[in-house]
Amino acid sequence: MIKRISHVGVVVDDIDKCLAQFERTMGLKPSVVKYAFEGKLRIAFIPVGDGEIELIQPLDQTLPLAKFLQTNGPGTHHIALATDDIESQVDSMRCNGAVFAEKSPMIGAHGVKIIFTKPETTAGLTFEICETSKEDH
């Protein structure tokens, strides 16, 4: 069962510029800035209440996120929804028509299992389903 919104993923072309703007205009600062997926992405997590904004800067131009940025420009890429049992959640969603970009969950930037929906099966939005521990709820 989906428990809460975990974060909103935003693709950007310059993470440092975005972080400076977020701090200047809203007083928001990242809790983590790191390289992920073998240095192919630079990611920042900015806490907001009990959720986060995830800034994602593709460094490898062959990645789908880089193609997203080239096609759409900077902007919202996905909404992450937290569950404590990703396999059951994915099975339920598949039975009800959702299609996923990957065959099975992978480990994401937070070190937890994640999987992305194909937007054409989830009302035009991309959702990241992420598994979190029961203590995170």
C-alpha atoms as a PDB file:
ATOM      1  CA  MET A   1       0.000   0.000   0.000  1.00  0.00           C
ATOM      2  CA  ILE A   2       1.221   3.486  -0.802  1.00  0.00           C
ATOM      3  CA  LYS A   3       1.953   5.383   2.407  1.00  0.00           C
ATOM      4  CA  ARG A   4       2.948   8.916   1.390  1.00  0.00           C
ATOM      5  CA  ILE A   5       4.670  11.127  -1.158  1.00  0.00           C
ATOM      6  CA  SER A   6       8.392  10.592  -0.661  1.00  0.00           C
ATOM      7  CA  HIS A   7       9.751  13.222  -3.024  1.00  0.00           C
ATOM      8  CA  VAL A   8       9.305  15.070  -6.295  1.00  0.00           C
ATOM      9  CA  GLY A   9      12.072  14.466  -8.840  1.00  0.00           C
ATOM     10  CA  VAL A  10      13.128  17.495 -10.890  1.00  0.00           C
ATOM     11  CA  VAL A  11      15.583  17.268 -13.797  1.00  0.00           C
ATOM     12  CA  VAL A  12      17.922  20.278 -14.034  1.00  0.00           C
ATOM     13  CA  ASP A  13      20.816  21.306 -16.243  1.00  0.00           C
ATOM     14  CA  ASP A  14      22.895  22.958 -13.469  1.00  0.00           C
ATOM     15  CA  ILE A  15      22.392  21.629  -9.965  1.00  0.00           C
ATOM     16  CA  ASP A  16      24.642  24.247  -8.324  1.00  0.00           C
ATOM     17  CA  LYS A  17      22.697  27.099  -9.912  1.00  0.00           C
ATOM     18  CA  CYS A  18      19.394  25.558  -8.777  1.00  0.00           C
ATOM     19  CA  LEU A  19      20.647  25.021  -5.237  1.00  0.00           C
ATOM     20  CA  ALA A  20      21.789  28.647  -5.028  1.00  0.00           C
ATOM     21  CA  GLN A  21      18.372  29.840  -6.271  1.00  0.00           C
ATOM     22  CA  PHE A  22      16.488  27.585  -3.833  1.00  0.00           C
ATOM     23  CA  GLU A  23      18.555  28.843  -0.898  1.00  0.00           C
ATOM     24  CA  ARG A  24      18.305  32.501  -1.932  1.00  0.00           C
ATOM     25  CA  THR A  25      14.606  32.557  -2.775  1.00  0.00           C
ATOM     26  CA  MET A  26      13.166  30.019  -0.312  1.00  0.00           C
ATOM     27  CA  GLY A  27      15.844  29.368   2.293  1.00  0.00           C
ATOM     28  CA  LEU A  28      15.948  25.683   1.300  1.00  0.00           C
ATOM     29  CA  LYS A  29      19.245  23.804   1.626  1.00  0.00           C
ATOM     30  CA  PRO A  30      20.158  20.276   0.549  1.00  0.00           C
ATOM     31  CA  SER A  31      20.707  17.489   3.062  1.00  0.00           C
ATOM     32  CA  VAL A  32      22.705  15.528   0.484  1.00  0.00           C
ATOM     33  CA  VAL A  33      24.495  16.346  -2.766  1.00  0.00           C
ATOM     34  CA  LYS A  34      26.173  13.373  -4.425  1.00  0.00           C
ATOM     35  CA  TYR A  35      27.027  11.506  -7.582  1.00  0.00           C
ATOM     36  CA  ALA A  36      24.901   8.445  -8.302  1.00  0.00           C
ATOM     37  CA  PHE A  37      24.639   5.592 -10.773  1.00  0.00           C
ATOM     38  CA  GLU A  38      28.391   5.299 -11.336  1.00  0.00           C
ATOM     39  CA  GLY A  39      28.833   9.058 -11.706  1.00  0.00           C
ATOM     40  CA  LYS A  40      26.226   9.360 -14.458  1.00  0.00           C
ATOM     41  CA  LEU A  41      23.971  11.620 -12.373  1.00  0.00           C
ATOM     42  CA  ARG A  42      24.485  14.349  -9.813  1.00  0.00           C
ATOM     43  CA  ILE A  43      21.684  14.422  -7.259  1.00  0.00           C
ATOM     44  CA  ALA A  44      20.646  16.717  -4.418  1.00  0.00           C
ATOM     45  CA  PHE A  45      17.944  16.001  -1.855  1.00  0.00           C
ATOM     46  CA  ILE A  46      16.303  19.063  -0.320  1.00  0.00           C
ATOM     47  CA  PRO A  47      14.111  18.391   2.732  1.00  0.00           C
ATOM     48  CA  VAL A  48      10.702  20.074   2.748  1.00  0.00           C
ATOM     49  CA  GLY A  49       8.451  19.049   5.631  1.00  0.00           C
ATOM     50  CA  ASP A  50       8.291  15.261   5.695  1.00  0.00           C
ATOM     51  CA  GLY A  51       9.153  14.990   1.987  1.00  0.00           C
ATOM     52  CA  GLU A  52      11.935  16.084  -0.320  1.00  0.00           C
ATOM     53  CA  ILE A  53      12.685  17.711  -3.635  1.00  0.00           C
ATOM     54  CA  GLU A  54      15.191  15.638  -5.591  1.00  0.00           C
ATOM     55  CA  LEU A  55      17.242  17.628  -8.093  1.00  0.00           C
ATOM     56  CA  ILE A  56      18.738  15.422 -10.815  1.00  0.00           C
ATOM     57  CA  GLN A  57      21.456  16.599 -13.193  1.00  0.00           C
ATOM     58  CA  PRO A  58      22.272  14.055 -15.917  1.00  0.00           C
ATOM     59  CA  LEU A  59      26.010  13.936 -16.644  1.00  0.00           C
ATOM     60  CA  ASP A  60      25.825  11.163 -19.248  1.00  0.00           C
ATOM     61  CA  GLN A  61      24.025  12.390 -22.373  1.00  0.00           C
ATOM     62  CA  THR A  62      22.961   8.847 -23.327  1.00  0.00           C
ATOM     63  CA  LEU A  63      20.673   8.519 -20.290  1.00  0.00           C
ATOM     64  CA  PRO A  64      16.895   8.799 -20.664  1.00  0.00           C
ATOM     65  CA  LEU A  65      16.976  11.671 -18.129  1.00  0.00           C
ATOM     66  CA  ALA A  66      19.339  13.595 -20.440  1.00  0.00           C
ATOM     67  CA  LYS A  67      16.943  13.012 -23.322  1.00  0.00           C
ATOM     68  CA  PHE A  68      14.079  14.195 -21.094  1.00  0.00           C
ATOM     69  CA  LEU A  69      16.033  17.396 -20.354  1.00  0.00           C
ATOM     70  CA  GLN A  70      16.843  17.958 -24.049  1.00  0.00           C
ATOM     71  CA  THR A  71      13.214  17.448 -25.070  1.00  0.00           C
ATOM     72  CA  ASN A  72      11.386  19.170 -22.217  1.00  0.00           C
ATOM     73  CA  GLY A  73      13.925  21.438 -20.564  1.00  0.00           C
ATOM     74  CA  PRO A  74      14.293  21.562 -16.781  1.00  0.00           C
ATOM     75  CA  GLY A  75      11.237  20.496 -14.836  1.00  0.00           C
ATOM     76  CA  THR A  76       9.322  17.898 -12.908  1.00  0.00           C
ATOM     77  CA  HIS A  77      10.161  14.360 -13.971  1.00  0.00           C
ATOM     78  CA  HIS A  78       8.391  12.194 -11.394  1.00  0.00           C
ATOM     79  CA  ILE A  79       6.500  11.955  -8.131  1.00  0.00           C
ATOM     80  CA  ALA A  80       7.875   9.309  -5.765  1.00  0.00           C
ATOM     81  CA  LEU A  81       5.409   7.337  -3.682  1.00  0.00           C
ATOM     82  CA  ALA A  82       6.606   5.378  -0.644  1.00  0.00           C
ATOM     83  CA  THR A  83       5.531   1.850   0.198  1.00  0.00           C
ATOM     84  CA  ASP A  84       6.863  -0.653   2.710  1.00  0.00           C
ATOM     85  CA  ASP A  85       6.395  -3.601   0.304  1.00  0.00           C
ATOM     86  CA  ILE A  86       7.423  -2.711  -3.235  1.00  0.00           C
ATOM     87  CA  GLU A  87       6.888  -6.181  -4.707  1.00  0.00           C
ATOM     88  CA  SER A  88       3.260  -6.356  -3.535  1.00  0.00           C
ATOM     89  CA  GLN A  89       2.637  -2.767  -4.648  1.00  0.00           C
ATOM     90  CA  VAL A  90       4.086  -3.395  -8.111  1.00  0.00           C
ATOM     91  CA  ASP A  91       2.121  -6.649  -8.506  1.00  0.00           C
ATOM     92  CA  SER A  92      -1.109  -4.882  -7.531  1.00  0.00           C
ATOM     93  CA  MET A  93      -0.463  -1.988  -9.887  1.00  0.00           C
ATOM     94  CA  ARG A  94       0.407  -4.348 -12.766  1.00  0.00           C
ATOM     95  CA  CYS A  95      -2.831  -6.275 -12.197  1.00  0.00           C
ATOM     96  CA  ASN A  96      -4.667  -2.959 -12.486  1.00  0.00           C
ATOM     97  CA  GLY A  97      -3.044  -1.814 -15.732  1.00  0.00           C
ATOM     98  CA  ALA A  98       0.159  -0.006 -14.756  1.00  0.00           C
ATOM     99  CA  VAL A  99       3.220  -0.690 -16.885  1.00  0.00           C
ATOM    100  CA  PHE A 100       6.719  -0.097 -15.561  1.00  0.00           C
ATOM    101  CA  ALA A 101       9.830   1.159 -17.340  1.00  0.00           C
ATOM    102  CA  GLU A 102      11.880  -1.637 -15.786  1.00  0.00           C
ATOM    103  CA  LYS A 103      11.139  -5.338 -15.409  1.00  0.00           C
ATOM    104  CA  SER A 104      11.855  -5.292 -11.679  1.00  0.00           C
ATOM    105  CA  PRO A 105      12.871  -2.801  -8.984  1.00  0.00           C
ATOM    106  CA  MET A 106      16.457  -1.534  -8.809  1.00  0.00           C
ATOM    107  CA  ILE A 107      18.415   0.268  -6.108  1.00  0.00           C
ATOM    108  CA  GLY A 108      17.962   4.052  -6.302  1.00  0.00           C
ATOM    109  CA  ALA A 109      19.963   7.055  -5.116  1.00  0.00           C
ATOM    110  CA  HIS A 110      18.699   6.700  -1.526  1.00  0.00           C
ATOM    111  CA  GLY A 111      19.850   3.081  -1.437  1.00  0.00           C
ATOM    112  CA  VAL A 112      16.319   1.648  -1.509  1.00  0.00           C
ATOM    113  CA  LYS A 113      14.398  -0.346  -4.120  1.00  0.00           C
ATOM    114  CA  ILE A 114      12.674   1.805  -6.763  1.00  0.00           C
ATOM    115  CA  ILE A 115      10.786   1.366 -10.022  1.00  0.00           C
ATOM    116  CA  PHE A 116       9.237   3.895 -12.448  1.00  0.00           C
ATOM    117  CA  THR A 117       5.835   3.736 -14.122  1.00  0.00           C
ATOM    118  CA  LYS A 118       5.322   4.438 -17.795  1.00  0.00           C
ATOM    119  CA  PRO A 119       3.297   7.660 -17.844  1.00  0.00           C
ATOM    120  CA  GLU A 120       0.881   6.512 -20.535  1.00  0.00           C
ATOM    121  CA  THR A 121      -0.486   3.977 -17.990  1.00  0.00           C
ATOM    122  CA  THR A 122      -0.648   6.342 -14.995  1.00  0.00           C
ATOM    123  CA  ALA A 123      -2.648   9.332 -16.241  1.00  0.00           C
ATOM    124  CA  GLY A 124       0.285  10.959 -18.057  1.00  0.00           C
ATOM    125  CA  LEU A 125       2.486  11.153 -14.943  1.00  0.00           C
ATOM    126  CA  THR A 126       5.657   9.227 -14.157  1.00  0.00           C
ATOM    127  CA  PHE A 127       5.612   7.774 -10.666  1.00  0.00           C
ATOM    128  CA  GLU A 128       8.568   6.310  -8.829  1.00  0.00           C
ATOM    129  CA  ILE A 129       7.491   3.633  -6.398  1.00  0.00           C
ATOM    130  CA  CYS A 130      10.094   3.435  -3.634  1.00  0.00           C
ATOM    131  CA  GLU A 131      10.381   1.041  -0.753  1.00  0.00           C
ATOM    132  CA  THR A 132      11.016   2.551   2.649  1.00  0.00           C
ATOM    133  CA  SER A 133      11.242   0.929   6.042  1.00  0.00           C
ATOM    134  CA  LYS A 134       8.227   0.862   8.320  1.00  0.00           C
ATOM    135  CA  GLU A 135      10.063   3.305  10.628  1.00  0.00           C
ATOM    136  CA  ASP A 136      10.047   5.944   7.838  1.00  0.00           C
ATOM    137  CA  HIS A 137       6.247   6.082   7.899  1.00  0.00           C
END
